[in-house]
Amino acid sequence: MLSPKNHAPHVAVFFAKVFHLRHTGYSVKDVFTRPRQLRPETEAQGMTSINSPPFRILPAIASVLLTPILFVQTDVPGLSAADKKQIAADSASSPKFDIVTTGQSPFPMNDRRNLSVYCGGGKGVLISSHWVLTASHCITSNKAKSGDVQVRFTTAQRKPARIGVDLVIRHKTKDLALLRLKRPVSKLERPALLLLRQTLVKADGKLKIKKVAGSEVWREIPAVGAGDHLRVPRKEDRRGKAGSSGGPWIIHSAAVGDVLVGITHGGGYAPQVAWAAEWIQETVTHRSSDRLYWATKTQALDR
């Protein structure tokens, strides 16, 4: 990949000159059509030269400002071409996404059981210290309006925890809702988990899903990606019980640990987390100081 150190200064000099010439009445076209004539002409008119002290510092300033915009680090070991393209796109978009480094997840990398939480009329999953992701239909409008929504779970120390919710934000079209907790959950109480950044599709083949609801865990559930959701095609393969709506669908990866891919809707169906990634990221970062961590499809599928 091209080095920012080698090329950013040249780009910066160009923009500095454009800035100067526009300030002195020339067009950007003049940079290309009259490069040699510009300096003597401007000096003859008593205008400040681009090489004079006030403007010599512009390339250095512009270089610092332009480098993070023009160059994105995509040469991280172990990333596929598709992952690099996704990271480059994320870096150029808003909101920004933090892609986890393979083998360096901020969360436990073992195959975890204690993942879901109780909330409203179903389950949910902690995605950061202040936020729980659940199914929208699990949170009634009356409870949300009255501020009566609470999240309950058992901590890693096997102690009961009950935390109030001060904000409920529903997705406009998907059965998803974000709950903001009144106090943060520490990593010692309950670590969060990674979220999948890229949508799973039929071409990814059969997926091995882990589904969690309370103390119940079902593994090796065969599912497929289908547009904005995941589904288990055969009814006999579906796992769960009453009250498991809102619980997490997870893919366990040897490379990065547990990765959240969907939220239980019911009937072998789950909206994909990646489909609502921008909504999730923007909501969390705009309404708190929490940081979310995402995994690529290559990392999650160990491919």
C-alpha atoms as a PDB file:
ATOM      1  CA  MET A   1       0.000   0.000   0.000  1.00  0.00           C
ATOM      2  CA  LEU A   2       1.213   3.555  -0.726  1.00  0.00           C
ATOM      3  CA  SER A   3       2.740   5.294   2.245  1.00  0.00           C
ATOM      4  CA  PRO A   4       1.105   8.498   3.527  1.00  0.00           C
ATOM      5  CA  LYS A   5       4.583   9.813   4.406  1.00  0.00           C
ATOM      6  CA  ASN A   6       5.636   9.680   0.724  1.00  0.00           C
ATOM      7  CA  HIS A   7       2.520  11.144  -0.878  1.00  0.00           C
ATOM      8  CA  ALA A   8       0.538  13.250   1.593  1.00  0.00           C
ATOM      9  CA  PRO A   9       3.002  16.222   1.455  1.00  0.00           C
ATOM     10  CA  HIS A  10       2.683  16.434  -2.358  1.00  0.00           C
ATOM     11  CA  VAL A  11      -1.087  16.428  -2.145  1.00  0.00           C
ATOM     12  CA  ALA A  12      -0.870  18.958   0.676  1.00  0.00           C
ATOM     13  CA  VAL A  13       1.348  21.295  -1.390  1.00  0.00           C
ATOM     14  CA  PHE A  14      -1.200  21.172  -4.201  1.00  0.00           C
ATOM     15  CA  PHE A  15      -4.064  22.145  -1.888  1.00  0.00           C
ATOM     16  CA  ALA A  16      -1.953  24.867  -0.281  1.00  0.00           C
ATOM     17  CA  LYS A  17      -1.234  26.354  -3.711  1.00  0.00           C
ATOM     18  CA  VAL A  18      -4.887  26.136  -4.700  1.00  0.00           C
ATOM     19  CA  PHE A  19      -5.786  27.953  -1.482  1.00  0.00           C
ATOM     20  CA  HIS A  20      -3.247  30.684  -2.217  1.00  0.00           C
ATOM     21  CA  LEU A  21      -4.200  31.110  -5.884  1.00  0.00           C
ATOM     22  CA  ARG A  22      -7.908  31.236  -5.164  1.00  0.00           C
ATOM     23  CA  HIS A  23      -7.123  33.879  -2.539  1.00  0.00           C
ATOM     24  CA  THR A  24      -5.281  35.940  -5.196  1.00  0.00           C
ATOM     25  CA  GLY A  25      -7.994  35.673  -7.806  1.00  0.00           C
ATOM     26  CA  TYR A  26      -6.908  32.699  -9.913  1.00  0.00           C
ATOM     27  CA  SER A  27      -8.932  29.606 -10.677  1.00  0.00           C
ATOM     28  CA  VAL A  28      -8.009  25.999  -9.937  1.00  0.00           C
ATOM     29  CA  LYS A  29      -7.557  25.545 -13.708  1.00  0.00           C
ATOM     30  CA  ASP A  30      -4.667  28.035 -13.573  1.00  0.00           C
ATOM     31  CA  VAL A  31      -2.706  25.603 -11.404  1.00  0.00           C
ATOM     32  CA  PHE A  32      -2.405  23.296 -14.413  1.00  0.00           C
ATOM     33  CA  THR A  33      -2.405  25.738 -17.365  1.00  0.00           C
ATOM     34  CA  ARG A  34      -0.157  28.508 -16.002  1.00  0.00           C
ATOM     35  CA  PRO A  35       2.102  26.959 -13.355  1.00  0.00           C
ATOM     36  CA  ARG A  36       5.299  28.833 -14.230  1.00  0.00           C
ATOM     37  CA  GLN A  37       3.721  32.186 -14.950  1.00  0.00           C
ATOM     38  CA  LEU A  38       1.831  32.398 -11.684  1.00  0.00           C
ATOM     39  CA  ARG A  39       4.653  33.153  -9.282  1.00  0.00           C
ATOM     40  CA  PRO A  40       6.255  36.152 -11.066  1.00  0.00           C
ATOM     41  CA  GLU A  41       2.861  37.541 -11.982  1.00  0.00           C
ATOM     42  CA  THR A  42       1.596  37.491  -8.435  1.00  0.00           C
ATOM     43  CA  GLU A  43       4.818  38.951  -7.065  1.00  0.00           C
ATOM     44  CA  ALA A  44       4.825  41.659  -9.722  1.00  0.00           C
ATOM     45  CA  GLN A  45       1.371  42.630  -8.534  1.00  0.00           C
ATOM     46  CA  GLY A  46       2.639  42.940  -4.994  1.00  0.00           C
ATOM     47  CA  MET A  47       0.853  39.777  -3.800  1.00  0.00           C
ATOM     48  CA  THR A  48       2.284  37.330  -1.290  1.00  0.00           C
ATOM     49  CA  SER A  49       4.316  34.517  -2.890  1.00  0.00           C
ATOM     50  CA  ILE A  50       3.474  30.903  -2.201  1.00  0.00           C
ATOM     51  CA  ASN A  51       7.082  30.550  -1.077  1.00  0.00           C
ATOM     52  CA  SER A  52       6.898  33.393   1.384  1.00  0.00           C
ATOM     53  CA  PRO A  53       6.888  32.584   5.157  1.00  0.00           C
ATOM     54  CA  PRO A  54       3.105  32.840   5.729  1.00  0.00           C
ATOM     55  CA  PHE A  55       2.457  30.145   3.133  1.00  0.00           C
ATOM     56  CA  ARG A  56       5.467  27.861   3.659  1.00  0.00           C
ATOM     57  CA  ILE A  57       3.754  26.357   6.697  1.00  0.00           C
ATOM     58  CA  LEU A  58       0.537  25.516   4.786  1.00  0.00           C
ATOM     59  CA  PRO A  59       1.832  22.227   3.295  1.00  0.00           C
ATOM     60  CA  ALA A  60       2.869  20.987   6.726  1.00  0.00           C
ATOM     61  CA  ILE A  61      -0.470  21.874   8.264  1.00  0.00           C
ATOM     62  CA  ALA A  62      -2.408  20.407   5.342  1.00  0.00           C
ATOM     63  CA  SER A  63      -0.294  17.249   5.421  1.00  0.00           C
ATOM     64  CA  VAL A  64      -1.294  16.579   9.018  1.00  0.00           C
ATOM     65  CA  LEU A  65      -4.954  17.267   8.306  1.00  0.00           C
ATOM     66  CA  LEU A  66      -5.166  15.342   5.037  1.00  0.00           C
ATOM     67  CA  THR A  67      -3.220  12.190   5.900  1.00  0.00           C
ATOM     68  CA  PRO A  68      -5.988  10.454   7.940  1.00  0.00           C
ATOM     69  CA  ILE A  69      -8.527  11.385   5.262  1.00  0.00           C
ATOM     70  CA  LEU A  70      -6.551  10.239   2.233  1.00  0.00           C
ATOM     71  CA  PHE A  71      -5.022   7.055   3.567  1.00  0.00           C
ATOM     72  CA  VAL A  72      -6.735   4.207   5.398  1.00  0.00           C
ATOM     73  CA  GLN A  73      -4.784   1.335   6.929  1.00  0.00           C
ATOM     74  CA  THR A  74      -6.095  -1.808   5.302  1.00  0.00           C
ATOM     75  CA  ASP A  75      -2.921  -3.896   5.356  1.00  0.00           C
ATOM     76  CA  VAL A  76      -3.773  -5.626   8.659  1.00  0.00           C
ATOM     77  CA  PRO A  77      -2.594  -9.265   8.535  1.00  0.00           C
ATOM     78  CA  GLY A  78      -5.304 -11.871   7.967  1.00  0.00           C
ATOM     79  CA  LEU A  79      -7.887  -9.628   6.293  1.00  0.00           C
ATOM     80  CA  SER A  80      -9.520 -10.684   3.040  1.00  0.00           C
ATOM     81  CA  ALA A  81     -10.023  -8.319   0.094  1.00  0.00           C
ATOM     82  CA  ALA A  82     -13.696  -7.976   1.052  1.00  0.00           C
ATOM     83  CA  ASP A  83     -12.762  -7.110   4.653  1.00  0.00           C
ATOM     84  CA  LYS A  84     -10.279  -4.470   3.481  1.00  0.00           C
ATOM     85  CA  LYS A  85     -12.940  -2.950   1.251  1.00  0.00           C
ATOM     86  CA  GLN A  86     -15.407  -2.894   4.166  1.00  0.00           C
ATOM     87  CA  ILE A  87     -12.900  -1.259   6.546  1.00  0.00           C
ATOM     88  CA  ALA A  88     -11.986   1.357   3.933  1.00  0.00           C
ATOM     89  CA  ALA A  89     -15.671   2.126   3.410  1.00  0.00           C
ATOM     90  CA  ASP A  90     -16.270   2.345   7.172  1.00  0.00           C
ATOM     91  CA  SER A  91     -13.323   4.695   7.603  1.00  0.00           C
ATOM     92  CA  ALA A  92     -14.787   7.022   4.993  1.00  0.00           C
ATOM     93  CA  SER A  93     -18.307   6.915   6.384  1.00  0.00           C
ATOM     94  CA  SER A  94     -20.076   8.176   9.439  1.00  0.00           C
ATOM     95  CA  PRO A  95     -20.460   6.685  11.973  1.00  0.00           C
ATOM     96  CA  LYS A  96     -17.060   5.021  12.415  1.00  0.00           C
ATOM     97  CA  PHE A  97     -16.711   1.329  13.217  1.00  0.00           C
ATOM     98  CA  ASP A  98     -13.972  -0.252  15.349  1.00  0.00           C
ATOM     99  CA  ILE A  99     -13.000  -3.586  13.747  1.00  0.00           C
ATOM    100  CA  VAL A 100     -11.400  -5.971  16.229  1.00  0.00           C
ATOM    101  CA  THR A 101      -7.891  -7.243  15.569  1.00  0.00           C
ATOM    102  CA  THR A 102      -7.784 -11.024  15.157  1.00  0.00           C
ATOM    103  CA  GLY A 103      -6.629 -12.673  18.367  1.00  0.00           C
ATOM    104  CA  GLN A 104      -6.972  -9.448  20.379  1.00  0.00           C
ATOM    105  CA  SER A 105     -10.632  -9.200  21.311  1.00  0.00           C
ATOM    106  CA  PRO A 106     -11.400  -6.972  24.324  1.00  0.00           C
ATOM    107  CA  PHE A 107     -13.846  -9.679  25.454  1.00  0.00           C
ATOM    108  CA  PRO A 108     -13.379 -13.316  26.562  1.00  0.00           C
ATOM    109  CA  MET A 109     -12.668 -15.581  23.581  1.00  0.00           C
ATOM    110  CA  ASN A 110     -14.018 -18.804  25.079  1.00  0.00           C
ATOM    111  CA  ASP A 111     -17.362 -20.323  24.049  1.00  0.00           C
ATOM    112  CA  ARG A 112     -19.530 -18.465  26.573  1.00  0.00           C
ATOM    113  CA  ARG A 113     -22.885 -19.484  28.081  1.00  0.00           C
ATOM    114  CA  ASN A 114     -23.727 -16.547  30.326  1.00  0.00           C
ATOM    115  CA  LEU A 115     -24.707 -14.065  27.619  1.00  0.00           C
ATOM    116  CA  SER A 116     -28.406 -13.206  27.624  1.00  0.00           C
ATOM    117  CA  VAL A 117     -30.202 -10.883  30.020  1.00  0.00           C
ATOM    118  CA  TYR A 118     -33.871 -10.640  31.032  1.00  0.00           C
ATOM    119  CA  CYS A 119     -35.687  -7.507  29.910  1.00  0.00           C
ATOM    120  CA  GLY A 120     -39.346  -6.660  29.386  1.00  0.00           C
ATOM    121  CA  GLY A 121     -41.177  -9.767  28.231  1.00  0.00           C
ATOM    122  CA  GLY A 122     -38.160 -11.543  26.784  1.00  0.00           C
ATOM    123  CA  LYS A 123     -34.372 -11.606  26.606  1.00  0.00           C
ATOM    124  CA  GLY A 124     -31.604  -9.341  25.353  1.00  0.00           C
ATOM    125  CA  VAL A 125     -27.833  -9.164  25.138  1.00  0.00           C
ATOM    126  CA  LEU A 126     -25.279  -6.683  26.488  1.00  0.00           C
ATOM    127  CA  ILE A 127     -23.341  -5.059  23.624  1.00  0.00           C
ATOM    128  CA  SER A 128     -21.505  -2.427  25.714  1.00  0.00           C
ATOM    129  CA  SER A 129     -21.377  -1.241  29.303  1.00  0.00           C
ATOM    130  CA  HIS A 130     -24.565   0.874  28.971  1.00  0.00           C
ATOM    131  CA  TRP A 131     -26.493  -0.803  26.140  1.00  0.00           C
ATOM    132  CA  VAL A 132     -28.620  -3.907  25.650  1.00  0.00           C
ATOM    133  CA  LEU A 133     -29.926  -5.049  22.265  1.00  0.00           C
ATOM    134  CA  THR A 134     -33.264  -6.887  22.248  1.00  0.00           C
ATOM    135  CA  ALA A 135     -36.360  -7.497  20.128  1.00  0.00           C
ATOM    136  CA  SER A 136     -38.645  -4.463  19.965  1.00  0.00           C
ATOM    137  CA  HIS A 137     -41.776  -6.526  20.613  1.00  0.00           C
ATOM    138  CA  CYS A 138     -40.368  -7.559  24.019  1.00  0.00           C
ATOM    139  CA  ILE A 139     -40.708  -4.000  25.334  1.00  0.00           C
ATOM    140  CA  THR A 140     -44.305  -2.809  25.662  1.00  0.00           C
ATOM    141  CA  SER A 141     -45.100   0.825  24.966  1.00  0.00           C
ATOM    142  CA  ASN A 142     -46.643   1.277  28.410  1.00  0.00           C
ATOM    143  CA  LYS A 143     -43.514   0.082  30.186  1.00  0.00           C
ATOM    144  CA  ALA A 144     -41.274   2.183  27.987  1.00  0.00           C
ATOM    145  CA  LYS A 145     -43.342   5.347  28.597  1.00  0.00           C
ATOM    146  CA  SER A 146     -43.575   4.800  32.337  1.00  0.00           C
ATOM    147  CA  GLY A 147     -39.856   4.110  32.674  1.00  0.00           C
ATOM    148  CA  ASP A 148     -40.630   0.704  34.154  1.00  0.00           C
ATOM    149  CA  VAL A 149     -38.223  -1.291  31.975  1.00  0.00           C
ATOM    150  CA  GLN A 150     -35.503  -3.165  33.849  1.00  0.00           C
ATOM    151  CA  VAL A 151     -32.682  -5.504  32.908  1.00  0.00           C
ATOM    152  CA  ARG A 152     -31.838  -8.503  35.083  1.00  0.00           C
ATOM    153  CA  PHE A 153     -28.988 -10.972  34.913  1.00  0.00           C
ATOM    154  CA  THR A 154     -26.597 -13.032  37.014  1.00  0.00           C
ATOM    155  CA  THR A 155     -23.087 -11.611  37.239  1.00  0.00           C
ATOM    156  CA  ALA A 156     -19.857 -13.547  36.749  1.00  0.00           C
ATOM    157  CA  GLN A 157     -19.674 -13.619  40.552  1.00  0.00           C
ATOM    158  CA  ARG A 158     -23.055 -15.415  40.572  1.00  0.00           C
ATOM    159  CA  LYS A 159     -24.804 -12.429  42.123  1.00  0.00           C
ATOM    160  CA  PRO A 160     -28.168 -11.091  40.902  1.00  0.00           C
ATOM    161  CA  ALA A 161     -28.103  -7.708  39.180  1.00  0.00           C
ATOM    162  CA  ARG A 162     -31.077  -5.477  38.395  1.00  0.00           C
ATOM    163  CA  ILE A 163     -30.583  -2.222  36.461  1.00  0.00           C
ATOM    164  CA  GLY A 164     -33.138   0.332  35.333  1.00  0.00           C
ATOM    165  CA  VAL A 165     -33.433   1.563  31.747  1.00  0.00           C
ATOM    166  CA  ASP A 166     -33.636   5.295  31.048  1.00  0.00           C
ATOM    167  CA  LEU A 167     -34.032   5.183  27.267  1.00  0.00           C
ATOM    168  CA  VAL A 168     -35.696   2.818  24.778  1.00  0.00           C
ATOM    169  CA  ILE A 169     -34.939   3.333  21.076  1.00  0.00           C
ATOM    170  CA  ARG A 170     -36.720   1.170  18.515  1.00  0.00           C
ATOM    171  CA  HIS A 171     -35.597   0.495  14.959  1.00  0.00           C
ATOM    172  CA  LYS A 172     -38.080   1.937  12.472  1.00  0.00           C
ATOM    173  CA  THR A 173     -38.532  -1.210  10.384  1.00  0.00           C
ATOM    174  CA  LYS A 174     -36.833  -4.150  12.146  1.00  0.00           C
ATOM    175  CA  ASP A 175     -37.834  -5.983  15.325  1.00  0.00           C
ATOM    176  CA  LEU A 176     -34.919  -4.477  17.236  1.00  0.00           C
ATOM    177  CA  ALA A 177     -34.646  -2.123  20.207  1.00  0.00           C
ATOM    178  CA  LEU A 178     -31.746  -0.588  22.094  1.00  0.00           C
ATOM    179  CA  LEU A 179     -32.009  -0.103  25.858  1.00  0.00           C
ATOM    180  CA  ARG A 180     -29.737   2.359  27.642  1.00  0.00           C
ATOM    181  CA  LEU A 181     -28.948   1.366  31.214  1.00  0.00           C
ATOM    182  CA  LYS A 182     -28.968   3.821  34.110  1.00  0.00           C
ATOM    183  CA  ARG A 183     -25.592   2.589  35.261  1.00  0.00           C
ATOM    184  CA  PRO A 184     -22.722   0.850  33.440  1.00  0.00           C
ATOM    185  CA  VAL A 185     -22.088  -2.881  33.706  1.00  0.00           C
ATOM    186  CA  SER A 186     -18.439  -3.562  34.435  1.00  0.00           C
ATOM    187  CA  LYS A 187     -16.490  -6.240  32.564  1.00  0.00           C
ATOM    188  CA  LEU A 188     -16.135  -8.092  35.850  1.00  0.00           C
ATOM    189  CA  GLU A 189     -19.921  -8.297  36.183  1.00  0.00           C
ATOM    190  CA  ARG A 190     -20.698  -9.226  32.574  1.00  0.00           C
ATOM    191  CA  PRO A 191     -18.440  -8.675  29.538  1.00  0.00           C
ATOM    192  CA  ALA A 192     -20.159  -7.549  26.346  1.00  0.00           C
ATOM    193  CA  LEU A 193     -19.446  -9.204  22.980  1.00  0.00           C
ATOM    194  CA  LEU A 194     -18.511  -8.416  19.395  1.00  0.00           C
ATOM    195  CA  LEU A 195     -21.062  -7.576  16.707  1.00  0.00           C
ATOM    196  CA  LEU A 196     -20.904  -8.727  13.096  1.00  0.00           C
ATOM    197  CA  ARG A 197     -20.307  -5.868  10.644  1.00  0.00           C
ATOM    198  CA  GLN A 198     -21.059  -7.636   7.335  1.00  0.00           C
ATOM    199  CA  THR A 199     -24.381  -9.154   6.349  1.00  0.00           C
ATOM    200  CA  LEU A 200     -24.500 -12.941   5.979  1.00  0.00           C
ATOM    201  CA  VAL A 201     -25.867 -14.178   2.656  1.00  0.00           C
ATOM    202  CA  LYS A 202     -26.965 -17.476   1.139  1.00  0.00           C
ATOM    203  CA  ALA A 203     -23.550 -17.869  -0.541  1.00  0.00           C
ATOM    204  CA  ASP A 204     -21.945 -18.107   2.903  1.00  0.00           C
ATOM    205  CA  GLY A 205     -23.531 -21.540   3.209  1.00  0.00           C
ATOM    206  CA  LYS A 206     -24.999 -23.170   6.298  1.00  0.00           C
ATOM    207  CA  LEU A 207     -24.072 -21.402   9.479  1.00  0.00           C
ATOM    208  CA  LYS A 208     -23.613 -23.010  12.889  1.00  0.00           C
ATOM    209  CA  ILE A 209     -25.544 -20.788  15.258  1.00  0.00           C
ATOM    210  CA  LYS A 210     -25.421 -20.717  19.053  1.00  0.00           C
ATOM    211  CA  LYS A 211     -28.660 -19.481  20.591  1.00  0.00           C
ATOM    212  CA  VAL A 212     -28.805 -18.350  24.224  1.00  0.00           C
ATOM    213  CA  ALA A 213     -31.838 -17.654  26.419  1.00  0.00           C
ATOM    214  CA  GLY A 214     -31.265 -17.324  30.157  1.00  0.00           C
ATOM    215  CA  SER A 215     -29.401 -20.418  31.348  1.00  0.00           C
ATOM    216  CA  GLU A 216     -30.333 -22.367  28.193  1.00  0.00           C
ATOM    217  CA  VAL A 217     -27.840 -22.750  25.335  1.00  0.00           C
ATOM    218  CA  TRP A 218     -28.455 -24.478  21.999  1.00  0.00           C
ATOM    219  CA  ARG A 219     -25.502 -25.036  19.669  1.00  0.00           C
ATOM    220  CA  GLU A 220     -24.898 -26.128  16.081  1.00  0.00           C
ATOM    221  CA  ILE A 221     -28.239 -24.795  14.837  1.00  0.00           C
ATOM    222  CA  PRO A 222     -28.138 -24.801  11.002  1.00  0.00           C
ATOM    223  CA  ALA A 223     -29.146 -21.377   9.681  1.00  0.00           C
ATOM    224  CA  VAL A 224     -28.734 -19.368   6.491  1.00  0.00           C
ATOM    225  CA  GLY A 225     -28.513 -15.690   5.641  1.00  0.00           C
ATOM    226  CA  ALA A 226     -31.533 -14.375   3.752  1.00  0.00           C
ATOM    227  CA  GLY A 227     -31.513 -10.652   3.047  1.00  0.00           C
ATOM    228  CA  ASP A 228     -32.037  -8.659   6.232  1.00  0.00           C
ATOM    229  CA  HIS A 229     -32.511 -11.725   8.441  1.00  0.00           C
ATOM    230  CA  LEU A 230     -31.259 -15.178   9.387  1.00  0.00           C
ATOM    231  CA  ARG A 231     -33.509 -18.199   9.355  1.00  0.00           C
ATOM    232  CA  VAL A 232     -33.497 -21.871  10.248  1.00  0.00           C
ATOM    233  CA  PRO A 233     -35.122 -23.541   7.206  1.00  0.00           C
ATOM    234  CA  ARG A 234     -36.192 -26.841   8.790  1.00  0.00           C
ATOM    235  CA  LYS A 235     -38.682 -26.651  11.621  1.00  0.00           C
ATOM    236  CA  GLU A 236     -37.184 -29.692  13.374  1.00  0.00           C
ATOM    237  CA  ASP A 237     -33.837 -27.844  13.641  1.00  0.00           C
ATOM    238  CA  ARG A 238     -35.281 -24.850  15.456  1.00  0.00           C
ATOM    239  CA  ARG A 239     -34.442 -24.474  19.127  1.00  0.00           C
ATOM    240  CA  GLY A 240     -35.850 -22.316  21.887  1.00  0.00           C
ATOM    241  CA  LYS A 241     -38.666 -21.967  24.342  1.00  0.00           C
ATOM    242  CA  ALA A 242     -41.379 -19.521  25.362  1.00  0.00           C
ATOM    243  CA  GLY A 243     -39.887 -16.204  26.406  1.00  0.00           C
ATOM    244  CA  SER A 244     -36.665 -16.566  24.393  1.00  0.00           C
ATOM    245  CA  SER A 245     -37.515 -13.709  22.003  1.00  0.00           C
ATOM    246  CA  GLY A 246     -34.867 -10.998  22.042  1.00  0.00           C
ATOM    247  CA  GLY A 247     -32.089 -13.459  22.878  1.00  0.00           C
ATOM    248  CA  PRO A 248     -28.838 -13.519  20.903  1.00  0.00           C
ATOM    249  CA  TRP A 249     -27.892 -15.602  17.859  1.00  0.00           C
ATOM    250  CA  ILE A 250     -24.152 -16.068  17.978  1.00  0.00           C
ATOM    251  CA  ILE A 251     -21.362 -17.524  15.880  1.00  0.00           C
ATOM    252  CA  HIS A 252     -18.387 -18.682  17.921  1.00  0.00           C
ATOM    253  CA  SER A 253     -15.065 -18.045  16.240  1.00  0.00           C
ATOM    254  CA  ALA A 254     -11.664 -19.401  17.201  1.00  0.00           C
ATOM    255  CA  ALA A 255     -10.180 -16.161  15.849  1.00  0.00           C
ATOM    256  CA  VAL A 256     -12.154 -13.588  17.859  1.00  0.00           C
ATOM    257  CA  GLY A 257     -14.556 -15.433  20.180  1.00  0.00           C
ATOM    258  CA  ASP A 258     -18.339 -14.987  20.282  1.00  0.00           C
ATOM    259  CA  VAL A 259     -19.836 -12.717  17.604  1.00  0.00           C
ATOM    260  CA  LEU A 260     -23.442 -11.471  17.741  1.00  0.00           C
ATOM    261  CA  VAL A 261     -25.150 -11.998  14.375  1.00  0.00           C
ATOM    262  CA  GLY A 262     -28.883 -11.847  15.118  1.00  0.00           C
ATOM    263  CA  ILE A 263     -31.650 -11.266  17.666  1.00  0.00           C
ATOM    264  CA  THR A 264     -34.396 -13.853  18.173  1.00  0.00           C
ATOM    265  CA  HIS A 265     -37.729 -12.832  16.705  1.00  0.00           C
ATOM    266  CA  GLY A 266     -39.375 -16.250  16.788  1.00  0.00           C
ATOM    267  CA  GLY A 267     -40.200 -19.129  14.481  1.00  0.00           C
ATOM    268  CA  GLY A 268     -36.607 -19.777  13.478  1.00  0.00           C
ATOM    269  CA  TYR A 269     -36.171 -16.180  12.366  1.00  0.00           C
ATOM    270  CA  ALA A 270     -33.793 -13.406  13.508  1.00  0.00           C
ATOM    271  CA  PRO A 271     -33.099  -9.899  12.142  1.00  0.00           C
ATOM    272  CA  GLN A 272     -29.420  -9.568  11.224  1.00  0.00           C
ATOM    273  CA  VAL A 273     -27.340  -7.285  13.436  1.00  0.00           C
ATOM    274  CA  ALA A 274     -25.169  -6.277  10.455  1.00  0.00           C
ATOM    275  CA  TRP A 275     -28.243  -5.055   8.563  1.00  0.00           C
ATOM    276  CA  ALA A 276     -28.849  -2.484  11.300  1.00  0.00           C
ATOM    277  CA  ALA A 277     -25.150  -1.793  12.003  1.00  0.00           C
ATOM    278  CA  GLU A 278     -25.203   1.919  11.213  1.00  0.00           C
ATOM    279  CA  TRP A 279     -28.303   2.483  13.350  1.00  0.00           C
ATOM    280  CA  ILE A 280     -26.745   0.594  16.274  1.00  0.00           C
ATOM    281  CA  GLN A 281     -23.376   2.346  16.010  1.00  0.00           C
ATOM    282  CA  GLU A 282     -24.853   5.802  15.574  1.00  0.00           C
ATOM    283  CA  THR A 283     -27.334   5.403  18.435  1.00  0.00           C
ATOM    284  CA  VAL A 284     -24.732   4.156  20.908  1.00  0.00           C
ATOM    285  CA  THR A 285     -22.018   6.691  20.046  1.00  0.00           C
ATOM    286  CA  HIS A 286     -24.356   9.695  19.863  1.00  0.00           C
ATOM    287  CA  ARG A 287     -26.143   8.936  23.127  1.00  0.00           C
ATOM    288  CA  SER A 288     -23.255   7.708  25.271  1.00  0.00           C
ATOM    289  CA  SER A 289     -19.472   7.505  25.425  1.00  0.00           C
ATOM    290  CA  ASP A 290     -19.512   3.714  24.979  1.00  0.00           C
ATOM    291  CA  ARG A 291     -17.416   2.053  22.312  1.00  0.00           C
ATOM    292  CA  LEU A 292     -18.641  -0.883  20.241  1.00  0.00           C
ATOM    293  CA  TYR A 293     -16.370  -3.514  18.723  1.00  0.00           C
ATOM    294  CA  TRP A 294     -17.163  -5.235  15.439  1.00  0.00           C
ATOM    295  CA  ALA A 295     -15.913  -8.351  13.640  1.00  0.00           C
ATOM    296  CA  THR A 296     -15.702  -9.003   9.916  1.00  0.00           C
ATOM    297  CA  LYS A 297     -17.348 -11.978   8.240  1.00  0.00           C
ATOM    298  CA  THR A 298     -13.946 -13.568   7.605  1.00  0.00           C
ATOM    299  CA  GLN A 299     -13.120 -13.375  11.318  1.00  0.00           C
ATOM    300  CA  ALA A 300     -16.507 -14.707  12.442  1.00  0.00           C
ATOM    301  CA  LEU A 301     -16.591 -17.610  10.010  1.00  0.00           C
ATOM    302  CA  ASP A 302     -12.892 -18.520  10.422  1.00  0.00           C
ATOM    303  CA  ARG A 303     -12.483 -18.530   6.649  1.00  0.00           C
END
